[in-house]
Amino acid sequence: MTIMVVEDFEDNRFMMRRLLEMSGYRVVEAEDGQEAVELATRELPNLILMDLSLPVLDGLAATRRIREHAELRMVPIVAVSAHDTADFHADALAAGCNEYVTKPIDFDQLDDLLDRLLAKG
């Protein structure tokens, strides 16, 4: 299973990649929203972890663009943000995200979420 990590901070990407790889996932990475759209259409990941505050194209706009592609409409997208307000949650869901997690990420909770979204047994 391939997970795409969209995060502009290299240290955060590195940590997520390492933990996901230790759980057996293949990881592809994007640093900004535009790169995320291009990479998603090329790689067709099984799940996307999308930071919302990104350069070039923010995570909400990138999610909307990804959802325009028929082959990506059903791919779970998890919004990742340091902002934990009802407005941010609502905006992420309206853009097409399936779930919302806040930073700092609780990796046990994320692992449970990935299991559920990917129906990994």
PDB file of N, CA and C in Angstrom:
ATOM      1  N   MET A   1       0.844  -1.180   0.000  1.00  0.00           N
ATOM      2  CA  MET A   1       0.000   0.000   0.000  1.00  0.00           C
ATOM      3  C   MET A   1       0.885   1.237   0.000  1.00  0.00           C
ATOM      4  N   THR A   2       0.468   2.208  -0.783  1.00  0.00           N
ATOM      5  CA  THR A   2       1.227   3.447  -0.911  1.00  0.00           C
ATOM      6  C   THR A   2       0.487   4.591  -0.235  1.00  0.00           C
ATOM      7  N   ILE A   3       1.207   5.322   0.606  1.00  0.00           N
ATOM      8  CA  ILE A   3       0.673   6.518   1.252  1.00  0.00           C
ATOM      9  C   ILE A   3       1.481   7.712   0.765  1.00  0.00           C
ATOM     10  N   MET A   4       0.771   8.754   0.348  1.00  0.00           N
ATOM     11  CA  MET A   4       1.434   9.993  -0.048  1.00  0.00           C
ATOM     12  C   MET A   4       1.391  10.960   1.131  1.00  0.00           C
ATOM     13  N   VAL A   5       2.561  11.458   1.514  1.00  0.00           N
ATOM     14  CA  VAL A   5       2.694  12.439   2.582  1.00  0.00           C
ATOM     15  C   VAL A   5       2.937  13.793   1.929  1.00  0.00           C
ATOM     16  N   VAL A   6       2.029  14.734   2.176  1.00  0.00           N
ATOM     17  CA  VAL A   6       2.151  16.086   1.631  1.00  0.00           C
ATOM     18  C   VAL A   6       2.431  17.010   2.807  1.00  0.00           C
ATOM     19  N   GLU A   7       3.653  17.509   2.885  1.00  0.00           N
ATOM     20  CA  GLU A   7       4.113  18.290   4.039  1.00  0.00           C
ATOM     21  C   GLU A   7       5.283  19.137   3.587  1.00  0.00           C
ATOM     22  N   ASP A   8       5.250  20.440   3.888  1.00  0.00           N
ATOM     23  CA  ASP A   8       6.329  21.315   3.433  1.00  0.00           C
ATOM     24  C   ASP A   8       7.545  21.309   4.350  1.00  0.00           C
ATOM     25  N   PHE A   9       7.404  20.866   5.586  1.00  0.00           N
ATOM     26  CA  PHE A   9       8.557  20.826   6.482  1.00  0.00           C
ATOM     27  C   PHE A   9       9.249  19.472   6.386  1.00  0.00           C
ATOM     28  N   GLU A  10      10.514  19.517   5.998  1.00  0.00           N
ATOM     29  CA  GLU A  10      11.276  18.294   5.746  1.00  0.00           C
ATOM     30  C   GLU A  10      11.338  17.376   6.962  1.00  0.00           C
ATOM     31  N   ASP A  11      11.545  17.935   8.153  1.00  0.00           N
ATOM     32  CA  ASP A  11      11.635  17.107   9.359  1.00  0.00           C
ATOM     33  C   ASP A  11      10.331  16.345   9.611  1.00  0.00           C
ATOM     34  N   ASN A  12       9.203  17.017   9.401  1.00  0.00           N
ATOM     35  CA  ASN A  12       7.906  16.350   9.584  1.00  0.00           C
ATOM     36  C   ASN A  12       7.712  15.241   8.555  1.00  0.00           C
ATOM     37  N   ARG A  13       8.089  15.512   7.302  1.00  0.00           N
ATOM     38  CA  ARG A  13       7.990  14.486   6.256  1.00  0.00           C
ATOM     39  C   ARG A  13       8.859  13.289   6.601  1.00  0.00           C
ATOM     40  N   PHE A  14      10.074  13.561   7.052  1.00  0.00           N
ATOM     41  CA  PHE A  14      11.010  12.491   7.394  1.00  0.00           C
ATOM     42  C   PHE A  14      10.429  11.602   8.494  1.00  0.00           C
ATOM     43  N   MET A  15       9.900  12.226   9.548  1.00  0.00           N
ATOM     44  CA  MET A  15       9.366  11.460  10.672  1.00  0.00           C
ATOM     45  C   MET A  15       8.162  10.626  10.220  1.00  0.00           C
ATOM     46  N   MET A  16       7.259  11.230   9.458  1.00  0.00           N
ATOM     47  CA  MET A  16       6.091  10.475   8.995  1.00  0.00           C
ATOM     48  C   MET A  16       6.507   9.333   8.077  1.00  0.00           C
ATOM     49  N   ARG A  17       7.457   9.618   7.181  1.00  0.00           N
ATOM     50  CA  ARG A  17       7.914   8.567   6.264  1.00  0.00           C
ATOM     51  C   ARG A  17       8.494   7.397   7.040  1.00  0.00           C
ATOM     52  N   ARG A  18       9.370   7.677   8.006  1.00  0.00           N
ATOM     53  CA  ARG A  18      10.009   6.603   8.779  1.00  0.00           C
ATOM     54  C   ARG A  18       8.981   5.749   9.515  1.00  0.00           C
ATOM     55  N   LEU A  19       8.045   6.397  10.178  1.00  0.00           N
ATOM     56  CA  LEU A  19       7.043   5.650  10.939  1.00  0.00           C
ATOM     57  C   LEU A  19       6.120   4.851  10.024  1.00  0.00           C
ATOM     58  N   LEU A  20       5.748   5.427   8.895  1.00  0.00           N
ATOM     59  CA  LEU A  20       4.883   4.705   7.950  1.00  0.00           C
ATOM     60  C   LEU A  20       5.620   3.529   7.321  1.00  0.00           C
ATOM     61  N   GLU A  21       6.885   3.736   6.972  1.00  0.00           N
ATOM     62  CA  GLU A  21       7.671   2.637   6.399  1.00  0.00           C
ATOM     63  C   GLU A  21       7.860   1.515   7.415  1.00  0.00           C
ATOM     64  N   MET A  22       8.032   1.868   8.689  1.00  0.00           N
ATOM     65  CA  MET A  22       8.164   0.844   9.730  1.00  0.00           C
ATOM     66  C   MET A  22       6.876   0.029   9.870  1.00  0.00           C
ATOM     67  N   SER A  23       5.756   0.620   9.480  1.00  0.00           N
ATOM     68  CA  SER A  23       4.475  -0.091   9.513  1.00  0.00           C
ATOM     69  C   SER A  23       4.203  -0.840   8.215  1.00  0.00           C
ATOM     70  N   GLY A  24       5.168  -0.798   7.293  1.00  0.00           N
ATOM     71  CA  GLY A  24       5.046  -1.583   6.071  1.00  0.00           C
ATOM     72  C   GLY A  24       4.489  -0.866   4.862  1.00  0.00           C
ATOM     73  N   TYR A  25       4.287   0.442   4.969  1.00  0.00           N
ATOM     74  CA  TYR A  25       3.758   1.191   3.837  1.00  0.00           C
ATOM     75  C   TYR A  25       4.876   1.689   2.926  1.00  0.00           C
ATOM     76  N   ARG A  26       4.571   1.786   1.646  1.00  0.00           N
ATOM     77  CA  ARG A  26       5.431   2.495   0.696  1.00  0.00           C
ATOM     78  C   ARG A  26       5.016   3.963   0.783  1.00  0.00           C
ATOM     79  N   VAL A  27       5.983   4.874   0.820  1.00  0.00           N
ATOM     80  CA  VAL A  27       5.687   6.290   1.010  1.00  0.00           C
ATOM     81  C   VAL A  27       6.234   7.098  -0.160  1.00  0.00           C
ATOM     82  N   VAL A  28       5.396   7.991  -0.683  1.00  0.00           N
ATOM     83  CA  VAL A  28       5.833   8.990  -1.648  1.00  0.00           C
ATOM     84  C   VAL A  28       5.563  10.346  -1.015  1.00  0.00           C
ATOM     85  N   GLU A  29       6.362  11.347  -1.382  1.00  0.00           N
ATOM     86  CA  GLU A  29       6.302  12.635  -0.694  1.00  0.00           C
ATOM     87  C   GLU A  29       6.146  13.788  -1.662  1.00  0.00           C
ATOM     88  N   ALA A  30       5.392  14.799  -1.216  1.00  0.00           N
ATOM     89  CA  ALA A  30       5.265  16.057  -1.942  1.00  0.00           C
ATOM     90  C   ALA A  30       5.478  17.193  -0.949  1.00  0.00           C
ATOM     91  N   GLU A  31       6.113  18.273  -1.423  1.00  0.00           N
ATOM     92  CA  GLU A  31       6.431  19.406  -0.556  1.00  0.00           C
ATOM     93  C   GLU A  31       5.423  20.539  -0.638  1.00  0.00           C
ATOM     94  N   ASP A  32       4.593  20.566  -1.689  1.00  0.00           N
ATOM     95  CA  ASP A  32       3.601  21.624  -1.834  1.00  0.00           C
ATOM     96  C   ASP A  32       2.359  21.061  -2.515  1.00  0.00           C
ATOM     97  N   GLY A  33       1.313  21.859  -2.544  1.00  0.00           N
ATOM     98  CA  GLY A  33       0.051  21.387  -3.080  1.00  0.00           C
ATOM     99  C   GLY A  33       0.081  21.048  -4.556  1.00  0.00           C
ATOM    100  N   GLN A  34       0.780  21.849  -5.340  1.00  0.00           N
ATOM    101  CA  GLN A  34       0.860  21.576  -6.775  1.00  0.00           C
ATOM    102  C   GLN A  34       1.576  20.253  -7.036  1.00  0.00           C
ATOM    103  N   GLU A  35       2.683  20.048  -6.339  1.00  0.00           N
ATOM    104  CA  GLU A  35       3.410  18.785  -6.475  1.00  0.00           C
ATOM    105  C   GLU A  35       2.528  17.612  -6.034  1.00  0.00           C
ATOM    106  N   ALA A  36       1.701  17.830  -5.016  1.00  0.00           N
ATOM    107  CA  ALA A  36       0.806  16.777  -4.530  1.00  0.00           C
ATOM    108  C   ALA A  36      -0.180  16.348  -5.611  1.00  0.00           C
ATOM    109  N   VAL A  37      -0.755  17.318  -6.316  1.00  0.00           N
ATOM    110  CA  VAL A  37      -1.714  16.998  -7.380  1.00  0.00           C
ATOM    111  C   VAL A  37      -1.026  16.193  -8.473  1.00  0.00           C
ATOM    112  N   GLU A  38       0.151  16.651  -8.895  1.00  0.00           N
ATOM    113  CA  GLU A  38       0.889  15.965  -9.960  1.00  0.00           C
ATOM    114  C   GLU A  38       1.297  14.552  -9.531  1.00  0.00           C
ATOM    115  N   LEU A  39       1.802  14.423  -8.310  1.00  0.00           N
ATOM    116  CA  LEU A  39       2.260  13.123  -7.816  1.00  0.00           C
ATOM    117  C   LEU A  39       1.087  12.156  -7.618  1.00  0.00           C
ATOM    118  N   ALA A  40      -0.024  12.662  -7.118  1.00  0.00           N
ATOM    119  CA  ALA A  40      -1.191  11.805  -6.901  1.00  0.00           C
ATOM    120  C   ALA A  40      -1.695  11.225  -8.217  1.00  0.00           C
ATOM    121  N   THR A  41      -1.731  12.039  -9.268  1.00  0.00           N
ATOM    122  CA  THR A  41      -2.226  11.534 -10.554  1.00  0.00           C
ATOM    123  C   THR A  41      -1.253  10.540 -11.176  1.00  0.00           C
ATOM    124  N   ARG A  42       0.009  10.668 -10.858  1.00  0.00           N
ATOM    125  CA  ARG A  42       1.024   9.753 -11.395  1.00  0.00           C
ATOM    126  C   ARG A  42       1.130   8.464 -10.576  1.00  0.00           C
ATOM    127  N   GLU A  43       1.113   8.581  -9.252  1.00  0.00           N
ATOM    128  CA  GLU A  43       1.350   7.441  -8.354  1.00  0.00           C
ATOM    129  C   GLU A  43       0.082   6.688  -7.943  1.00  0.00           C
ATOM    130  N   LEU A  44      -1.066   7.363  -7.973  1.00  0.00           N
ATOM    131  CA  LEU A  44      -2.336   6.772  -7.526  1.00  0.00           C
ATOM    132  C   LEU A  44      -2.195   6.105  -6.152  1.00  0.00           C
ATOM    133  N   PRO A  45      -1.876   6.911  -5.119  1.00  0.00           N
ATOM    134  CA  PRO A  45      -1.676   6.338  -3.781  1.00  0.00           C
ATOM    135  C   PRO A  45      -2.972   5.759  -3.219  1.00  0.00           C
ATOM    136  N   ASN A  46      -2.827   4.891  -2.224  1.00  0.00           N
ATOM    137  CA  ASN A  46      -3.988   4.306  -1.550  1.00  0.00           C
ATOM    138  C   ASN A  46      -4.586   5.251  -0.517  1.00  0.00           C
ATOM    139  N   LEU A  47      -3.769   6.220  -0.045  1.00  0.00           N
ATOM    140  CA  LEU A  47      -4.218   7.188   0.951  1.00  0.00           C
ATOM    141  C   LEU A  47      -3.285   8.385   0.886  1.00  0.00           C
ATOM    142  N   ILE A  48      -3.827   9.575   1.204  1.00  0.00           N
ATOM    143  CA  ILE A  48      -3.039  10.808   1.193  1.00  0.00           C
ATOM    144  C   ILE A  48      -3.144  11.477   2.558  1.00  0.00           C
ATOM    145  N   LEU A  49      -1.994  11.825   3.142  1.00  0.00           N
ATOM    146  CA  LEU A  49      -1.929  12.656   4.346  1.00  0.00           C
ATOM    147  C   LEU A  49      -1.597  14.064   3.872  1.00  0.00           C
ATOM    148  N   MET A  50      -2.552  14.987   3.977  1.00  0.00           N
ATOM    149  CA  MET A  50      -2.451  16.310   3.362  1.00  0.00           C
ATOM    150  C   MET A  50      -2.344  17.409   4.409  1.00  0.00           C
ATOM    151  N   ASP A  51      -1.155  18.009   4.518  1.00  0.00           N
ATOM    152  CA  ASP A  51      -1.014  19.205   5.347  1.00  0.00           C
ATOM    153  C   ASP A  51      -1.877  20.290   4.709  1.00  0.00           C
ATOM    154  N   LEU A  52      -2.494  21.134   5.508  1.00  0.00           N
ATOM    155  CA  LEU A  52      -3.359  22.163   4.944  1.00  0.00           C
ATOM    156  C   LEU A  52      -2.618  23.452   4.638  1.00  0.00           C
ATOM    157  N   SER A  53      -1.562  23.757   5.381  1.00  0.00           N
ATOM    158  CA  SER A  53      -0.798  24.989   5.170  1.00  0.00           C
ATOM    159  C   SER A  53       0.425  24.672   4.327  1.00  0.00           C
ATOM    160  N   LEU A  54       0.288  24.883   3.020  1.00  0.00           N
ATOM    161  CA  LEU A  54       1.351  24.522   2.078  1.00  0.00           C
ATOM    162  C   LEU A  54       1.675  25.694   1.172  1.00  0.00           C
ATOM    163  N   PRO A  55       2.918  25.748   0.684  1.00  0.00           N
ATOM    164  CA  PRO A  55       3.255  26.768  -0.310  1.00  0.00           C
ATOM    165  C   PRO A  55       2.701  26.386  -1.686  1.00  0.00           C
ATOM    166  N   VAL A  56       2.716  27.323  -2.593  1.00  0.00           N
ATOM    167  CA  VAL A  56       2.308  27.194  -3.995  1.00  0.00           C
ATOM    168  C   VAL A  56       0.798  26.997  -4.116  1.00  0.00           C
ATOM    169  N   LEU A  57       0.279  25.937  -3.533  1.00  0.00           N
ATOM    170  CA  LEU A  57      -1.153  25.617  -3.568  1.00  0.00           C
ATOM    171  C   LEU A  57      -1.488  25.007  -2.214  1.00  0.00           C
ATOM    172  N   ASP A  58      -2.420  25.627  -1.476  1.00  0.00           N
ATOM    173  CA  ASP A  58      -2.693  25.108  -0.126  1.00  0.00           C
ATOM    174  C   ASP A  58      -3.373  23.744  -0.176  1.00  0.00           C
ATOM    175  N   GLY A  59      -3.418  23.092   0.970  1.00  0.00           N
ATOM    176  CA  GLY A  59      -3.926  21.727   1.039  1.00  0.00           C
ATOM    177  C   GLY A  59      -5.392  21.584   0.662  1.00  0.00           C
ATOM    178  N   LEU A  60      -6.201  22.602   0.955  1.00  0.00           N
ATOM    179  CA  LEU A  60      -7.616  22.532   0.583  1.00  0.00           C
ATOM    180  C   LEU A  60      -7.778  22.584  -0.932  1.00  0.00           C
ATOM    181  N   ALA A  61      -7.071  23.511  -1.573  1.00  0.00           N
ATOM    182  CA  ALA A  61      -7.141  23.619  -3.039  1.00  0.00           C
ATOM    183  C   ALA A  61      -6.574  22.365  -3.697  1.00  0.00           C
ATOM    184  N   ALA A  62      -5.488  21.841  -3.146  1.00  0.00           N
ATOM    185  CA  ALA A  62      -4.896  20.614  -3.697  1.00  0.00           C
ATOM    186  C   ALA A  62      -5.880  19.451  -3.576  1.00  0.00           C
ATOM    187  N   THR A  63      -6.567  19.362  -2.448  1.00  0.00           N
ATOM    188  CA  THR A  63      -7.559  18.297  -2.258  1.00  0.00           C
ATOM    189  C   THR A  63      -8.671  18.415  -3.294  1.00  0.00           C
ATOM    190  N   ARG A  64      -9.167  19.637  -3.510  1.00  0.00           N
ATOM    191  CA  ARG A  64     -10.225  19.831  -4.511  1.00  0.00           C
ATOM    192  C   ARG A  64      -9.754  19.383  -5.890  1.00  0.00           C
ATOM    193  N   ARG A  65      -8.531  19.744  -6.252  1.00  0.00           N
ATOM    194  CA  ARG A  65      -7.999  19.364  -7.572  1.00  0.00           C
ATOM    195  C   ARG A  65      -7.811  17.854  -7.686  1.00  0.00           C
ATOM    196  N   ILE A  66      -7.343  17.238  -6.625  1.00  0.00           N
ATOM    197  CA  ILE A  66      -7.176  15.776  -6.633  1.00  0.00           C
ATOM    198  C   ILE A  66      -8.535  15.105  -6.826  1.00  0.00           C
ATOM    199  N   ARG A  67      -9.561  15.622  -6.171  1.00  0.00           N
ATOM    200  CA  ARG A  67     -10.903  15.038  -6.272  1.00  0.00           C
ATOM    201  C   ARG A  67     -11.501  15.186  -7.676  1.00  0.00           C
ATOM    202  N   GLU A  68     -10.961  16.083  -8.497  1.00  0.00           N
ATOM    203  CA  GLU A  68     -11.442  16.244  -9.874  1.00  0.00           C
ATOM    204  C   GLU A  68     -11.069  15.057 -10.757  1.00  0.00           C
ATOM    205  N   HIS A  69     -10.096  14.272 -10.335  1.00  0.00           N
ATOM    206  CA  HIS A  69      -9.630  13.122 -11.114  1.00  0.00           C
ATOM    207  C   HIS A  69     -10.433  11.886 -10.709  1.00  0.00           C
ATOM    208  N   ALA A  70     -11.119  11.301 -11.676  1.00  0.00           N
ATOM    209  CA  ALA A  70     -12.005  10.161 -11.400  1.00  0.00           C
ATOM    210  C   ALA A  70     -11.289   9.039 -10.662  1.00  0.00           C
ATOM    211  N   GLU A  71     -10.045   8.768 -11.040  1.00  0.00           N
ATOM    212  CA  GLU A  71      -9.319   7.650 -10.432  1.00  0.00           C
ATOM    213  C   GLU A  71      -8.887   7.938  -8.994  1.00  0.00           C
ATOM    214  N   LEU A  72      -9.047   9.182  -8.536  1.00  0.00           N
ATOM    215  CA  LEU A  72      -8.639   9.553  -7.177  1.00  0.00           C
ATOM    216  C   LEU A  72      -9.816   9.933  -6.283  1.00  0.00           C
ATOM    217  N   ARG A  73     -11.022   9.893  -6.802  1.00  0.00           N
ATOM    218  CA  ARG A  73     -12.187  10.350  -6.030  1.00  0.00           C
ATOM    219  C   ARG A  73     -12.435   9.539  -4.768  1.00  0.00           C
ATOM    220  N   MET A  74     -12.083   8.274  -4.792  1.00  0.00           N
ATOM    221  CA  MET A  74     -12.356   7.409  -3.642  1.00  0.00           C
ATOM    222  C   MET A  74     -11.137   7.208  -2.735  1.00  0.00           C
ATOM    223  N   VAL A  75     -10.011   7.811  -3.091  1.00  0.00           N
ATOM    224  CA  VAL A  75      -8.802   7.684  -2.268  1.00  0.00           C
ATOM    225  C   VAL A  75      -9.002   8.491  -0.981  1.00  0.00           C
ATOM    226  N   PRO A  76      -8.854   7.877   0.182  1.00  0.00           N
ATOM    227  CA  PRO A  76      -9.001   8.630   1.425  1.00  0.00           C
ATOM    228  C   PRO A  76      -7.932   9.720   1.538  1.00  0.00           C
ATOM    229  N   ILE A  77      -8.377  10.916   1.907  1.00  0.00           N
ATOM    230  CA  ILE A  77      -7.465  12.030   2.160  1.00  0.00           C
ATOM    231  C   ILE A  77      -7.671  12.462   3.604  1.00  0.00           C
ATOM    232  N   VAL A  78      -6.577  12.469   4.363  1.00  0.00           N
ATOM    233  CA  VAL A  78      -6.608  12.875   5.765  1.00  0.00           C
ATOM    234  C   VAL A  78      -5.953  14.243   5.868  1.00  0.00           C
ATOM    235  N   ALA A  79      -6.732  15.237   6.287  1.00  0.00           N
ATOM    236  CA  ALA A  79      -6.193  16.573   6.511  1.00  0.00           C
ATOM    237  C   ALA A  79      -5.328  16.542   7.763  1.00  0.00           C
ATOM    238  N   VAL A  80      -4.180  17.215   7.685  1.00  0.00           N
ATOM    239  CA  VAL A  80      -3.256  17.293   8.817  1.00  0.00           C
ATOM    240  C   VAL A  80      -2.985  18.772   9.072  1.00  0.00           C
ATOM    241  N   SER A  81      -3.252  19.236  10.286  1.00  0.00           N
ATOM    242  CA  SER A  81      -3.082  20.657  10.572  1.00  0.00           C
ATOM    243  C   SER A  81      -2.808  20.888  12.052  1.00  0.00           C
ATOM    244  N   ALA A  82      -2.142  21.988  12.327  1.00  0.00           N
ATOM    245  CA  ALA A  82      -1.925  22.399  13.713  1.00  0.00           C
ATOM    246  C   ALA A  82      -3.157  23.123  14.253  1.00  0.00           C
ATOM    247  N   HIS A  83      -4.070  23.511  13.354  1.00  0.00           N
ATOM    248  CA  HIS A  83      -5.281  24.233  13.749  1.00  0.00           C
ATOM    249  C   HIS A  83      -6.375  23.234  14.104  1.00  0.00           C
ATOM    250  N   ASP A  84      -6.923  23.391  15.297  1.00  0.00           N
ATOM    251  CA  ASP A  84      -7.949  22.455  15.764  1.00  0.00           C
ATOM    252  C   ASP A  84      -9.224  23.222  16.089  1.00  0.00           C
ATOM    253  N   THR A  85      -9.841  23.771  15.038  1.00  0.00           N
ATOM    254  CA  THR A  85     -11.096  24.493  15.226  1.00  0.00           C
ATOM    255  C   THR A  85     -12.170  23.875  14.347  1.00  0.00           C
ATOM    256  N   ALA A  86     -13.419  24.117  14.717  1.00  0.00           N
ATOM    257  CA  ALA A  86     -14.542  23.578  13.942  1.00  0.00           C
ATOM    258  C   ALA A  86     -14.510  24.089  12.506  1.00  0.00           C
ATOM    259  N   ASP A  87     -14.103  25.354  12.309  1.00  0.00           N
ATOM    260  CA  ASP A  87     -14.054  25.916  10.950  1.00  0.00           C
ATOM    261  C   ASP A  87     -13.043  25.181  10.085  1.00  0.00           C
ATOM    262  N   PHE A  88     -11.871  24.890  10.619  1.00  0.00           N
ATOM    263  CA  PHE A  88     -10.858  24.164   9.848  1.00  0.00           C
ATOM    264  C   PHE A  88     -11.349  22.756   9.515  1.00  0.00           C
ATOM    265  N   HIS A  89     -11.973  22.103  10.465  1.00  0.00           N
ATOM    266  CA  HIS A  89     -12.524  20.762  10.227  1.00  0.00           C
ATOM    267  C   HIS A  89     -13.564  20.817   9.110  1.00  0.00           C
ATOM    268  N   ALA A  90     -14.481  21.773   9.206  1.00  0.00           N
ATOM    269  CA  ALA A  90     -15.552  21.893   8.212  1.00  0.00           C
ATOM    270  C   ALA A  90     -14.990  22.203   6.832  1.00  0.00           C
ATOM    271  N   ASP A  91     -14.014  23.104   6.762  1.00  0.00           N
ATOM    272  CA  ASP A  91     -13.403  23.446   5.473  1.00  0.00           C
ATOM    273  C   ASP A  91     -12.722  22.235   4.849  1.00  0.00           C
ATOM    274  N   ALA A  92     -12.035  21.454   5.668  1.00  0.00           N
ATOM    275  CA  ALA A  92     -11.334  20.270   5.155  1.00  0.00           C
ATOM    276  C   ALA A  92     -12.329  19.244   4.616  1.00  0.00           C
ATOM    277  N   LEU A  93     -13.398  19.002   5.344  1.00  0.00           N
ATOM    278  CA  LEU A  93     -14.407  18.043   4.887  1.00  0.00           C
ATOM    279  C   LEU A  93     -15.100  18.546   3.626  1.00  0.00           C
ATOM    280  N   ALA A  94     -15.387  19.847   3.567  1.00  0.00           N
ATOM    281  CA  ALA A  94     -16.033  20.420   2.383  1.00  0.00           C
ATOM    282  C   ALA A  94     -15.133  20.324   1.154  1.00  0.00           C
ATOM    283  N   ALA A  95     -13.825  20.400   1.350  1.00  0.00           N
ATOM    284  CA  ALA A  95     -12.875  20.312   0.229  1.00  0.00           C
ATOM    285  C   ALA A  95     -12.739  18.885  -0.288  1.00  0.00           C
ATOM    286  N   GLY A  96     -13.139  17.903   0.518  1.00  0.00           N
ATOM    287  CA  GLY A  96     -13.057  16.514   0.077  1.00  0.00           C
ATOM    288  C   GLY A  96     -12.225  15.608   0.958  1.00  0.00           C
ATOM    289  N   CYS A  97     -11.754  16.125   2.093  1.00  0.00           N
ATOM    290  CA  CYS A  97     -11.005  15.270   3.020  1.00  0.00           C
ATOM    291  C   CYS A  97     -11.971  14.332   3.740  1.00  0.00           C
ATOM    292  N   ASN A  98     -11.479  13.146   4.062  1.00  0.00           N
ATOM    293  CA  ASN A  98     -12.294  12.156   4.764  1.00  0.00           C
ATOM    294  C   ASN A  98     -12.172  12.269   6.278  1.00  0.00           C
ATOM    295  N   GLU A  99     -10.997  12.683   6.732  1.00  0.00           N
ATOM    296  CA  GLU A  99     -10.715  12.769   8.169  1.00  0.00           C
ATOM    297  C   GLU A  99      -9.815  13.970   8.413  1.00  0.00           C
ATOM    298  N   TYR A 100      -9.657  14.317   9.695  1.00  0.00           N
ATOM    299  CA  TYR A 100      -8.864  15.472  10.095  1.00  0.00           C
ATOM    300  C   TYR A 100      -8.072  15.084  11.339  1.00  0.00           C
ATOM    301  N   VAL A 101      -6.753  15.241  11.287  1.00  0.00           N
ATOM    302  CA  VAL A 101      -5.927  15.000  12.475  1.00  0.00           C
ATOM    303  C   VAL A 101      -5.107  16.248  12.757  1.00  0.00           C
ATOM    304  N   THR A 102      -4.837  16.471  14.025  1.00  0.00           N
ATOM    305  CA  THR A 102      -4.089  17.661  14.408  1.00  0.00           C
ATOM    306  C   THR A 102      -2.649  17.321  14.763  1.00  0.00           C
ATOM    307  N   LYS A 103      -1.788  18.306  14.529  1.00  0.00           N
ATOM    308  CA  LYS A 103      -0.381  18.207  14.912  1.00  0.00           C
ATOM    309  C   LYS A 103      -0.261  18.697  16.342  1.00  0.00           C
ATOM    310  N   PRO A 104       0.634  18.160  17.126  1.00  0.00           N
ATOM    311  CA  PRO A 104       1.510  17.041  16.783  1.00  0.00           C
ATOM    312  C   PRO A 104       0.697  15.756  16.652  1.00  0.00           C
ATOM    313  N   ILE A 105       1.092  14.941  15.705  1.00  0.00           N
ATOM    314  CA  ILE A 105       0.347  13.729  15.389  1.00  0.00           C
ATOM    315  C   ILE A 105       0.598  12.653  16.440  1.00  0.00           C
ATOM    316  N   ASP A 106      -0.482  12.068  16.918  1.00  0.00           N
ATOM    317  CA  ASP A 106      -0.419  10.895  17.788  1.00  0.00           C
ATOM    318  C   ASP A 106      -0.340   9.689  16.852  1.00  0.00           C
ATOM    319  N   PHE A 107       0.826   9.067  16.746  1.00  0.00           N
ATOM    320  CA  PHE A 107       1.030   8.023  15.749  1.00  0.00           C
ATOM    321  C   PHE A 107       0.262   6.739  16.044  1.00  0.00           C
ATOM    322  N   ASP A 108      -0.057   6.465  17.291  1.00  0.00           N
ATOM    323  CA  ASP A 108      -0.917   5.314  17.588  1.00  0.00           C
ATOM    324  C   ASP A 108      -2.319   5.568  17.041  1.00  0.00           C
ATOM    325  N   GLN A 109      -2.804   6.786  17.254  1.00  0.00           N
ATOM    326  CA  GLN A 109      -4.118   7.162  16.742  1.00  0.00           C
ATOM    327  C   GLN A 109      -4.112   7.165  15.213  1.00  0.00           C
ATOM    328  N   LEU A 110      -3.039   7.667  14.614  1.00  0.00           N
ATOM    329  CA  LEU A 110      -2.933   7.676  13.155  1.00  0.00           C
ATOM    330  C   LEU A 110      -2.916   6.258  12.607  1.00  0.00           C
ATOM    331  N   ASP A 111      -2.204   5.369  13.266  1.00  0.00           N
ATOM    332  CA  ASP A 111      -2.144   3.980  12.819  1.00  0.00           C
ATOM    333  C   ASP A 111      -3.535   3.342  12.833  1.00  0.00           C
ATOM    334  N   ASP A 112      -4.301   3.607  13.879  1.00  0.00           N
ATOM    335  CA  ASP A 112      -5.677   3.097  13.949  1.00  0.00           C
ATOM    336  C   ASP A 112      -6.529   3.677  12.823  1.00  0.00           C
ATOM    337  N   LEU A 113      -6.351   4.967  12.560  1.00  0.00           N
ATOM    338  CA  LEU A 113      -7.096   5.626  11.487  1.00  0.00           C
ATOM    339  C   LEU A 113      -6.746   5.032  10.126  1.00  0.00           C
ATOM    340  N   LEU A 114      -5.461   4.811   9.889  1.00  0.00           N
ATOM    341  CA  LEU A 114      -5.036   4.217   8.618  1.00  0.00           C
ATOM    342  C   LEU A 114      -5.608   2.814   8.462  1.00  0.00           C
ATOM    343  N   ASP A 115      -5.567   2.027   9.528  1.00  0.00           N
ATOM    344  CA  ASP A 115      -6.147   0.678   9.482  1.00  0.00           C
ATOM    345  C   ASP A 115      -7.617   0.743   9.074  1.00  0.00           C
ATOM    346  N   ARG A 116      -8.338   1.679   9.666  1.00  0.00           N
ATOM    347  CA  ARG A 116      -9.770   1.801   9.371  1.00  0.00           C
ATOM    348  C   ARG A 116     -10.003   2.264   7.935  1.00  0.00           C
ATOM    349  N   LEU A 117      -9.285   3.307   7.513  1.00  0.00           N
ATOM    350  CA  LEU A 117      -9.500   3.863   6.173  1.00  0.00           C
ATOM    351  C   LEU A 117      -9.042   2.929   5.063  1.00  0.00           C
ATOM    352  N   LEU A 118      -8.023   2.156   5.345  1.00  0.00           N
ATOM    353  CA  LEU A 118      -7.491   1.255   4.321  1.00  0.00           C
ATOM    354  C   LEU A 118      -8.041  -0.161   4.457  1.00  0.00           C
ATOM    355  N   ALA A 119      -8.876  -0.373   5.471  1.00  0.00           N
ATOM    356  CA  ALA A 119      -9.437  -1.708   5.739  1.00  0.00           C
ATOM    357  C   ALA A 119      -8.339  -2.753   5.750  1.00  0.00           C
ATOM    358  N   LYS A 120      -7.230  -2.380   6.419  1.00  0.00           N
ATOM    359  CA  LYS A 120      -6.055  -3.248   6.508  1.00  0.00           C
ATOM    360  C   LYS A 120      -6.265  -4.209   7.664  1.00  0.00           C
ATOM    361  N   GLY A 121      -6.077  -5.477   7.407  1.00  0.00           N
ATOM    362  CA  GLY A 121      -6.361  -6.415   8.467  1.00  0.00           C
ATOM    363  C   GLY A 121      -5.162  -7.059   9.021  1.00  0.00           C
TER     364      GLY A 121
END
